[in-house]
Every structure is written in C-alpha cells, then in structure tokens.
Amino acid sequence: MPGLRRRSRTAINFSENQLVAAIDAGLTALELRLDAERVELLARYLVLLAKWNRVYNLSGIRDAHAMIAPHLLDSLSVQDYMK
C-alpha cells in the first residue's frame, strides 16, 4: 500500500542492541549473571511485548526500555531464591 513504510530490520536490531546493553547494566546492578544468549532473548521478548502492547494494551508501560526494570529485573531479582 502506498504511504505505508516497513521498519527496516536494522532499526529493530539497533533497538535490541540498546535493550541488551540496558538489561546487562540492570543485571550487573543486581549482581546477577545471565549468558549473552538469554539476555538477547529477553531483549527480543521486550521488543515483542512493546509491539503487541500497542495493539492489545498488555501493559501500561509503552516503551520497551521502560519495561526493563518492572517487567524483567523485578522478576529476575528472585532467581537465587527459586533454586
């Protein structure tokens, strides 16, 4: 359709790279360790959550970066107690 633009894959990857860095920083602050593959999967999850949040209002938080602390790091902070 004319007038509609698809987001380039590089724009998505750039955003995921920023999310990976922010997730890594949060994990470091909590003194938690996850391998790089799991951090990348979490970043992809946040991208999908932000995408579908626009359609179905899954969360009151609209920005993927703002979702890191309340949706990921809060949940991950109890991982040592779950073992």
PDB file of N, CA and C in Angstrom:
ATOM      1  N   MET A   1       0.839  -1.174   0.000  1.00  0.00           N
ATOM      2  CA  MET A   1       0.000   0.000   0.000  1.00  0.00           C
ATOM      3  C   MET A   1       0.882   1.235   0.000  1.00  0.00           C
ATOM      4  N   PRO A   2       0.532   2.194  -0.804  1.00  0.00           N
ATOM      5  CA  PRO A   2       1.318   3.425  -0.803  1.00  0.00           C
ATOM      6  C   PRO A   2       1.161   4.153   0.524  1.00  0.00           C
ATOM      7  N   GLY A   3       2.220   4.758   0.951  1.00  0.00           N
ATOM      8  CA  GLY A   3       2.196   5.528   2.186  1.00  0.00           C
ATOM      9  C   GLY A   3       2.584   4.730   3.419  1.00  0.00           C
ATOM     10  N   LEU A   4       2.549   3.409   3.342  1.00  0.00           N
ATOM     11  CA  LEU A   4       2.955   2.589   4.477  1.00  0.00           C
ATOM     12  C   LEU A   4       4.419   2.232   4.333  1.00  0.00           C
ATOM     13  N   ARG A   5       5.150   2.381   5.395  1.00  0.00           N
ATOM     14  CA  ARG A   5       6.576   2.042   5.380  1.00  0.00           C
ATOM     15  C   ARG A   5       6.815   0.919   6.361  1.00  0.00           C
ATOM     16  N   ARG A   6       7.612  -0.015   5.956  1.00  0.00           N
ATOM     17  CA  ARG A   6       8.001  -1.091   6.858  1.00  0.00           C
ATOM     18  C   ARG A   6       9.254  -0.663   7.594  1.00  0.00           C
ATOM     19  N   ARG A   7       9.315  -1.017   8.871  1.00  0.00           N
ATOM     20  CA  ARG A   7      10.535  -0.736   9.625  1.00  0.00           C
ATOM     21  C   ARG A   7      11.630  -1.642   9.121  1.00  0.00           C
ATOM     22  N   SER A   8      12.790  -1.074   8.950  1.00  0.00           N
ATOM     23  CA  SER A   8      13.903  -1.885   8.484  1.00  0.00           C
ATOM     24  C   SER A   8      14.375  -2.818   9.592  1.00  0.00           C
ATOM     25  N   ARG A   9      14.924  -3.927   9.214  1.00  0.00           N
ATOM     26  CA  ARG A   9      15.429  -4.904  10.174  1.00  0.00           C
ATOM     27  C   ARG A   9      16.572  -4.297  10.994  1.00  0.00           C
ATOM     28  N   THR A  10      17.365  -3.424  10.390  1.00  0.00           N
ATOM     29  CA  THR A  10      18.475  -2.817  11.125  1.00  0.00           C
ATOM     30  C   THR A  10      17.970  -1.918  12.242  1.00  0.00           C
ATOM     31  N   ALA A  11      16.835  -1.256  12.032  1.00  0.00           N
ATOM     32  CA  ALA A  11      16.279  -0.410  13.099  1.00  0.00           C
ATOM     33  C   ALA A  11      15.876  -1.267  14.287  1.00  0.00           C
ATOM     34  N   ILE A  12      15.304  -2.446  14.005  1.00  0.00           N
ATOM     35  CA  ILE A  12      14.916  -3.343  15.085  1.00  0.00           C
ATOM     36  C   ILE A  12      16.153  -3.867  15.793  1.00  0.00           C
ATOM     37  N   ASN A  13      17.178  -4.280  15.051  1.00  0.00           N
ATOM     38  CA  ASN A  13      18.403  -4.780  15.660  1.00  0.00           C
ATOM     39  C   ASN A  13      19.072  -3.721  16.519  1.00  0.00           C
ATOM     40  N   PHE A  14      19.070  -2.477  16.051  1.00  0.00           N
ATOM     41  CA  PHE A  14      19.690  -1.407  16.829  1.00  0.00           C
ATOM     42  C   PHE A  14      18.971  -1.248  18.159  1.00  0.00           C
ATOM     43  N   SER A  15      17.661  -1.296  18.130  1.00  0.00           N
ATOM     44  CA  SER A  15      16.883  -1.187  19.358  1.00  0.00           C
ATOM     45  C   SER A  15      17.166  -2.375  20.276  1.00  0.00           C
ATOM     46  N   GLU A  16      17.256  -3.579  19.700  1.00  0.00           N
ATOM     47  CA  GLU A  16      17.565  -4.754  20.502  1.00  0.00           C
ATOM     48  C   GLU A  16      18.947  -4.636  21.127  1.00  0.00           C
ATOM     49  N   ASN A  17      19.900  -4.093  20.393  1.00  0.00           N
ATOM     50  CA  ASN A  17      21.247  -3.914  20.944  1.00  0.00           C
ATOM     51  C   ASN A  17      21.230  -2.952  22.127  1.00  0.00           C
ATOM     52  N   GLN A  18      20.445  -1.903  22.027  1.00  0.00           N
ATOM     53  CA  GLN A  18      20.316  -0.970  23.145  1.00  0.00           C
ATOM     54  C   GLN A  18      19.654  -1.641  24.334  1.00  0.00           C
ATOM     55  N   LEU A  19      18.646  -2.453  24.071  1.00  0.00           N
ATOM     56  CA  LEU A  19      17.978  -3.177  25.153  1.00  0.00           C
ATOM     57  C   LEU A  19      18.922  -4.158  25.818  1.00  0.00           C
ATOM     58  N   VAL A  20      19.731  -4.859  25.024  1.00  0.00           N
ATOM     59  CA  VAL A  20      20.702  -5.803  25.580  1.00  0.00           C
ATOM     60  C   VAL A  20      21.650  -5.089  26.528  1.00  0.00           C
ATOM     61  N   ALA A  21      22.146  -3.925  26.111  1.00  0.00           N
ATOM     62  CA  ALA A  21      23.060  -3.160  26.959  1.00  0.00           C
ATOM     63  C   ALA A  21      22.372  -2.712  28.248  1.00  0.00           C
ATOM     64  N   ALA A  22      21.131  -2.274  28.147  1.00  0.00           N
ATOM     65  CA  ALA A  22      20.393  -1.820  29.332  1.00  0.00           C
ATOM     66  C   ALA A  22      20.072  -2.991  30.268  1.00  0.00           C
ATOM     67  N   ILE A  23      19.723  -4.131  29.704  1.00  0.00           N
ATOM     68  CA  ILE A  23      19.459  -5.320  30.530  1.00  0.00           C
ATOM     69  C   ILE A  23      20.731  -5.764  31.227  1.00  0.00           C
ATOM     70  N   ASP A  24      21.844  -5.777  30.489  1.00  0.00           N
ATOM     71  CA  ASP A  24      23.143  -6.126  31.092  1.00  0.00           C
ATOM     72  C   ASP A  24      23.483  -5.197  32.250  1.00  0.00           C
ATOM     73  N   ALA A  25      23.240  -3.903  32.071  1.00  0.00           N
ATOM     74  CA  ALA A  25      23.529  -2.935  33.136  1.00  0.00           C
ATOM     75  C   ALA A  25      22.658  -3.209  34.359  1.00  0.00           C
ATOM     76  N   GLY A  26      21.390  -3.522  34.137  1.00  0.00           N
ATOM     77  CA  GLY A  26      20.494  -3.834  35.246  1.00  0.00           C
ATOM     78  C   GLY A  26      20.894  -5.107  35.965  1.00  0.00           C
ATOM     79  N   LEU A  27      21.305  -6.113  35.207  1.00  0.00           N
ATOM     80  CA  LEU A  27      21.759  -7.368  35.814  1.00  0.00           C
ATOM     81  C   LEU A  27      23.017  -7.151  36.643  1.00  0.00           C
ATOM     82  N   THR A  28      23.918  -6.327  36.136  1.00  0.00           N
ATOM     83  CA  THR A  28      25.139  -6.006  36.874  1.00  0.00           C
ATOM     84  C   THR A  28      24.805  -5.295  38.178  1.00  0.00           C
ATOM     85  N   ALA A  29      23.869  -4.367  38.123  1.00  0.00           N
ATOM     86  CA  ALA A  29      23.471  -3.643  39.331  1.00  0.00           C
ATOM     87  C   ALA A  29      22.868  -4.588  40.373  1.00  0.00           C
ATOM     88  N   LEU A  30      22.173  -5.616  39.913  1.00  0.00           N
ATOM     89  CA  LEU A  30      21.573  -6.591  40.829  1.00  0.00           C
ATOM     90  C   LEU A  30      22.524  -7.741  41.169  1.00  0.00           C
ATOM     91  N   GLU A  31      23.727  -7.677  40.605  1.00  0.00           N
ATOM     92  CA  GLU A  31      24.736  -8.722  40.787  1.00  0.00           C
ATOM     93  C   GLU A  31      24.220 -10.081  40.324  1.00  0.00           C
ATOM     94  N   LEU A  32      23.520 -10.072  39.181  1.00  0.00           N
ATOM     95  CA  LEU A  32      23.011 -11.286  38.569  1.00  0.00           C
ATOM     96  C   LEU A  32      23.780 -11.556  37.283  1.00  0.00           C
ATOM     97  N   ARG A  33      23.837 -12.817  36.901  1.00  0.00           N
ATOM     98  CA  ARG A  33      24.533 -13.185  35.671  1.00  0.00           C
ATOM     99  C   ARG A  33      23.614 -14.031  34.804  1.00  0.00           C
ATOM    100  N   LEU A  34      23.535 -13.670  33.552  1.00  0.00           N
ATOM    101  CA  LEU A  34      22.862 -14.469  32.530  1.00  0.00           C
ATOM    102  C   LEU A  34      23.777 -14.515  31.325  1.00  0.00           C
ATOM    103  N   ASP A  35      23.746 -15.619  30.601  1.00  0.00           N
ATOM    104  CA  ASP A  35      24.596 -15.685  29.409  1.00  0.00           C
ATOM    105  C   ASP A  35      24.035 -14.759  28.327  1.00  0.00           C
ATOM    106  N   ALA A  36      24.872 -14.451  27.367  1.00  0.00           N
ATOM    107  CA  ALA A  36      24.526 -13.477  26.326  1.00  0.00           C
ATOM    108  C   ALA A  36      23.299 -13.899  25.529  1.00  0.00           C
ATOM    109  N   GLU A  37      23.153 -15.185  25.298  1.00  0.00           N
ATOM    110  CA  GLU A  37      22.005 -15.664  24.535  1.00  0.00           C
ATOM    111  C   GLU A  37      20.695 -15.385  25.264  1.00  0.00           C
ATOM    112  N   ARG A  38      20.677 -15.609  26.557  1.00  0.00           N
ATOM    113  CA  ARG A  38      19.448 -15.357  27.331  1.00  0.00           C
ATOM    114  C   ARG A  38      19.128 -13.868  27.398  1.00  0.00           C
ATOM    115  N   VAL A  39      20.146 -13.041  27.517  1.00  0.00           N
ATOM    116  CA  VAL A  39      19.914 -11.589  27.544  1.00  0.00           C
ATOM    117  C   VAL A  39      19.344 -11.138  26.206  1.00  0.00           C
ATOM    118  N   GLU A  40      19.864 -11.680  25.115  1.00  0.00           N
ATOM    119  CA  GLU A  40      19.349 -11.335  23.791  1.00  0.00           C
ATOM    120  C   GLU A  40      17.892 -11.795  23.644  1.00  0.00           C
ATOM    121  N   LEU A  41      17.573 -12.961  24.157  1.00  0.00           N
ATOM    122  CA  LEU A  41      16.191 -13.443  24.104  1.00  0.00           C
ATOM    123  C   LEU A  41      15.258 -12.544  24.918  1.00  0.00           C
ATOM    124  N   LEU A  42      15.725 -12.075  26.051  1.00  0.00           N
ATOM    125  CA  LEU A  42      14.917 -11.146  26.854  1.00  0.00           C
ATOM    126  C   LEU A  42      14.687  -9.830  26.110  1.00  0.00           C
ATOM    127  N   ALA A  43      15.715  -9.357  25.415  1.00  0.00           N
ATOM    128  CA  ALA A  43      15.564  -8.131  24.630  1.00  0.00           C
ATOM    129  C   ALA A  43      14.537  -8.337  23.515  1.00  0.00           C
ATOM    130  N   ARG A  44      14.603  -9.474  22.852  1.00  0.00           N
ATOM    131  CA  ARG A  44      13.626  -9.770  21.800  1.00  0.00           C
ATOM    132  C   ARG A  44      12.208  -9.853  22.383  1.00  0.00           C
ATOM    133  N   TYR A  45      12.106 -10.445  23.566  1.00  0.00           N
ATOM    134  CA  TYR A  45      10.813 -10.529  24.248  1.00  0.00           C
ATOM    135  C   TYR A  45      10.253  -9.128  24.500  1.00  0.00           C
ATOM    136  N   LEU A  46      11.101  -8.219  24.970  1.00  0.00           N
ATOM    137  CA  LEU A  46      10.633  -6.856  25.232  1.00  0.00           C
ATOM    138  C   LEU A  46      10.199  -6.149  23.961  1.00  0.00           C
ATOM    139  N   VAL A  47      10.912  -6.383  22.861  1.00  0.00           N
ATOM    140  CA  VAL A  47      10.512  -5.793  21.581  1.00  0.00           C
ATOM    141  C   VAL A  47       9.131  -6.301  21.188  1.00  0.00           C
ATOM    142  N   LEU A  48       8.911  -7.607  21.341  1.00  0.00           N
ATOM    143  CA  LEU A  48       7.591  -8.170  21.023  1.00  0.00           C
ATOM    144  C   LEU A  48       6.520  -7.666  21.986  1.00  0.00           C
ATOM    145  N   LEU A  49       6.850  -7.569  23.254  1.00  0.00           N
ATOM    146  CA  LEU A  49       5.895  -7.069  24.239  1.00  0.00           C
ATOM    147  C   LEU A  49       5.485  -5.634  23.906  1.00  0.00           C
ATOM    148  N   ALA A  50       6.456  -4.802  23.555  1.00  0.00           N
ATOM    149  CA  ALA A  50       6.150  -3.416  23.192  1.00  0.00           C
ATOM    150  C   ALA A  50       5.310  -3.361  21.917  1.00  0.00           C
ATOM    151  N   LYS A  51       5.626  -4.223  20.962  1.00  0.00           N
ATOM    152  CA  LYS A  51       4.874  -4.257  19.699  1.00  0.00           C
ATOM    153  C   LYS A  51       3.414  -4.629  19.951  1.00  0.00           C
ATOM    154  N   TRP A  52       3.186  -5.719  20.650  1.00  0.00           N
ATOM    155  CA  TRP A  52       1.817  -6.191  20.869  1.00  0.00           C
ATOM    156  C   TRP A  52       1.095  -5.369  21.924  1.00  0.00           C
ATOM    157  N   ASN A  53       1.833  -4.661  22.742  1.00  0.00           N
ATOM    158  CA  ASN A  53       1.211  -3.775  23.714  1.00  0.00           C
ATOM    159  C   ASN A  53       0.465  -2.643  23.011  1.00  0.00           C
ATOM    160  N   ARG A  54       0.966  -2.220  21.882  1.00  0.00           N
ATOM    161  CA  ARG A  54       0.286  -1.163  21.127  1.00  0.00           C
ATOM    162  C   ARG A  54      -1.080  -1.641  20.624  1.00  0.00           C
ATOM    163  N   VAL A  55      -1.212  -2.937  20.379  1.00  0.00           N
ATOM    164  CA  VAL A  55      -2.454  -3.486  19.840  1.00  0.00           C
ATOM    165  C   VAL A  55      -3.417  -3.910  20.947  1.00  0.00           C
ATOM    166  N   TYR A  56      -2.900  -4.595  21.966  1.00  0.00           N
ATOM    167  CA  TYR A  56      -3.762  -5.220  22.966  1.00  0.00           C
ATOM    168  C   TYR A  56      -3.662  -4.616  24.370  1.00  0.00           C
ATOM    169  N   ASN A  57      -2.885  -3.565  24.553  1.00  0.00           N
ATOM    170  CA  ASN A  57      -2.734  -2.911  25.850  1.00  0.00           C
ATOM    171  C   ASN A  57      -2.376  -3.925  26.950  1.00  0.00           C
ATOM    172  N   LEU A  58      -1.277  -4.619  26.755  1.00  0.00           N
ATOM    173  CA  LEU A  58      -0.822  -5.635  27.700  1.00  0.00           C
ATOM    174  C   LEU A  58      -0.218  -5.033  28.958  1.00  0.00           C
ATOM    175  N   SER A  59       0.313  -3.833  28.848  1.00  0.00           N
ATOM    176  CA  SER A  59       0.970  -3.169  29.966  1.00  0.00           C
ATOM    177  C   SER A  59       0.733  -1.669  29.854  1.00  0.00           C
ATOM    178  N   GLY A  60       0.702  -1.006  30.986  1.00  0.00           N
ATOM    179  CA  GLY A  60       0.564   0.446  30.967  1.00  0.00           C
ATOM    180  C   GLY A  60       1.846   1.146  30.535  1.00  0.00           C
ATOM    181  N   ILE A  61       2.936   0.403  30.518  1.00  0.00           N
ATOM    182  CA  ILE A  61       4.220   0.959  30.102  1.00  0.00           C
ATOM    183  C   ILE A  61       4.336   0.786  28.599  1.00  0.00           C
ATOM    184  N   ARG A  62       4.614   1.853  27.895  1.00  0.00           N
ATOM    185  CA  ARG A  62       4.617   1.828  26.432  1.00  0.00           C
ATOM    186  C   ARG A  62       5.991   1.596  25.811  1.00  0.00           C
ATOM    187  N   ASP A  63       7.030   2.007  26.474  1.00  0.00           N
ATOM    188  CA  ASP A  63       8.375   1.957  25.908  1.00  0.00           C
ATOM    189  C   ASP A  63       9.100   0.697  26.379  1.00  0.00           C
ATOM    190  N   ALA A  64       9.746  -0.006  25.446  1.00  0.00           N
ATOM    191  CA  ALA A  64      10.454  -1.246  25.789  1.00  0.00           C
ATOM    192  C   ALA A  64      11.555  -0.994  26.820  1.00  0.00           C
ATOM    193  N   HIS A  65      12.250   0.129  26.719  1.00  0.00           N
ATOM    194  CA  HIS A  65      13.316   0.430  27.687  1.00  0.00           C
ATOM    195  C   HIS A  65      12.739   0.641  29.090  1.00  0.00           C
ATOM    196  N   ALA A  66      11.572   1.245  29.157  1.00  0.00           N
ATOM    197  CA  ALA A  66      10.944   1.473  30.458  1.00  0.00           C
ATOM    198  C   ALA A  66      10.395   0.182  31.061  1.00  0.00           C
ATOM    199  N   MET A  67      10.242  -0.856  30.246  1.00  0.00           N
ATOM    200  CA  MET A  67       9.747  -2.149  30.725  1.00  0.00           C
ATOM    201  C   MET A  67      10.826  -2.987  31.409  1.00  0.00           C
ATOM    202  N   ILE A  68      12.072  -2.632  31.242  1.00  0.00           N
ATOM    203  CA  ILE A  68      13.173  -3.459  31.737  1.00  0.00           C
ATOM    204  C   ILE A  68      13.081  -3.668  33.248  1.00  0.00           C
ATOM    205  N   ALA A  69      13.022  -2.604  34.006  1.00  0.00           N
ATOM    206  CA  ALA A  69      13.022  -2.750  35.469  1.00  0.00           C
ATOM    207  C   ALA A  69      11.763  -3.426  35.995  1.00  0.00           C
ATOM    208  N   PRO A  70      10.572  -2.930  35.664  1.00  0.00           N
ATOM    209  CA  PRO A  70       9.393  -3.545  36.280  1.00  0.00           C
ATOM    210  C   PRO A  70       9.012  -4.914  35.729  1.00  0.00           C
ATOM    211  N   HIS A  71       9.313  -5.182  34.478  1.00  0.00           N
ATOM    212  CA  HIS A  71       8.878  -6.443  33.886  1.00  0.00           C
ATOM    213  C   HIS A  71       9.960  -7.516  33.860  1.00  0.00           C
ATOM    214  N   LEU A  72      11.220  -7.140  33.787  1.00  0.00           N
ATOM    215  CA  LEU A  72      12.287  -8.141  33.722  1.00  0.00           C
ATOM    216  C   LEU A  72      13.095  -8.223  35.005  1.00  0.00           C
ATOM    217  N   LEU A  73      13.690  -7.105  35.388  1.00  0.00           N
ATOM    218  CA  LEU A  73      14.623  -7.140  36.512  1.00  0.00           C
ATOM    219  C   LEU A  73      13.929  -7.489  37.825  1.00  0.00           C
ATOM    220  N   ASP A  74      12.711  -7.012  38.022  1.00  0.00           N
ATOM    221  CA  ASP A  74      11.979  -7.382  39.241  1.00  0.00           C
ATOM    222  C   ASP A  74      11.775  -8.893  39.302  1.00  0.00           C
ATOM    223  N   SER A  75      11.428  -9.484  38.190  1.00  0.00           N
ATOM    224  CA  SER A  75      11.219 -10.933  38.146  1.00  0.00           C
ATOM    225  C   SER A  75      12.526 -11.699  38.316  1.00  0.00           C
ATOM    226  N   LEU A  76      13.583 -11.207  37.693  1.00  0.00           N
ATOM    227  CA  LEU A  76      14.872 -11.888  37.774  1.00  0.00           C
ATOM    228  C   LEU A  76      15.534 -11.740  39.139  1.00  0.00           C
ATOM    229  N   SER A  77      15.152 -10.727  39.890  1.00  0.00           N
ATOM    230  CA  SER A  77      15.813 -10.474  41.175  1.00  0.00           C
ATOM    231  C   SER A  77      15.591 -11.592  42.191  1.00  0.00           C
ATOM    232  N   VAL A  78      14.587 -12.422  41.995  1.00  0.00           N
ATOM    233  CA  VAL A  78      14.316 -13.511  42.934  1.00  0.00           C
ATOM    234  C   VAL A  78      14.866 -14.856  42.479  1.00  0.00           C
ATOM    235  N   GLN A  79      15.624 -14.866  41.393  1.00  0.00           N
ATOM    236  CA  GLN A  79      16.080 -16.143  40.841  1.00  0.00           C
ATOM    237  C   GLN A  79      16.949 -16.942  41.813  1.00  0.00           C
ATOM    238  N   ASP A  80      17.740 -16.294  42.639  1.00  0.00           N
ATOM    239  CA  ASP A  80      18.572 -17.020  43.601  1.00  0.00           C
ATOM    240  C   ASP A  80      17.727 -17.739  44.665  1.00  0.00           C
ATOM    241  N   TYR A  81      16.558 -17.202  44.936  1.00  0.00           N
ATOM    242  CA  TYR A  81      15.686 -17.804  45.951  1.00  0.00           C
ATOM    243  C   TYR A  81      14.812 -18.915  45.369  1.00  0.00           C
ATOM    244  N   MET A  82      14.797 -19.027  44.058  1.00  0.00           N
ATOM    245  CA  MET A  82      13.963 -20.019  43.384  1.00  0.00           C
ATOM    246  C   MET A  82      14.702 -21.345  43.134  1.00  0.00           C
ATOM    247  N   LYS A  83      15.971 -21.387  43.452  1.00  0.00           N
ATOM    248  CA  LYS A  83      16.769 -22.590  43.166  1.00  0.00           C
ATOM    249  C   LYS A  83      16.602 -23.628  44.228  1.00  0.00           C
TER     250      LYS A  83
END
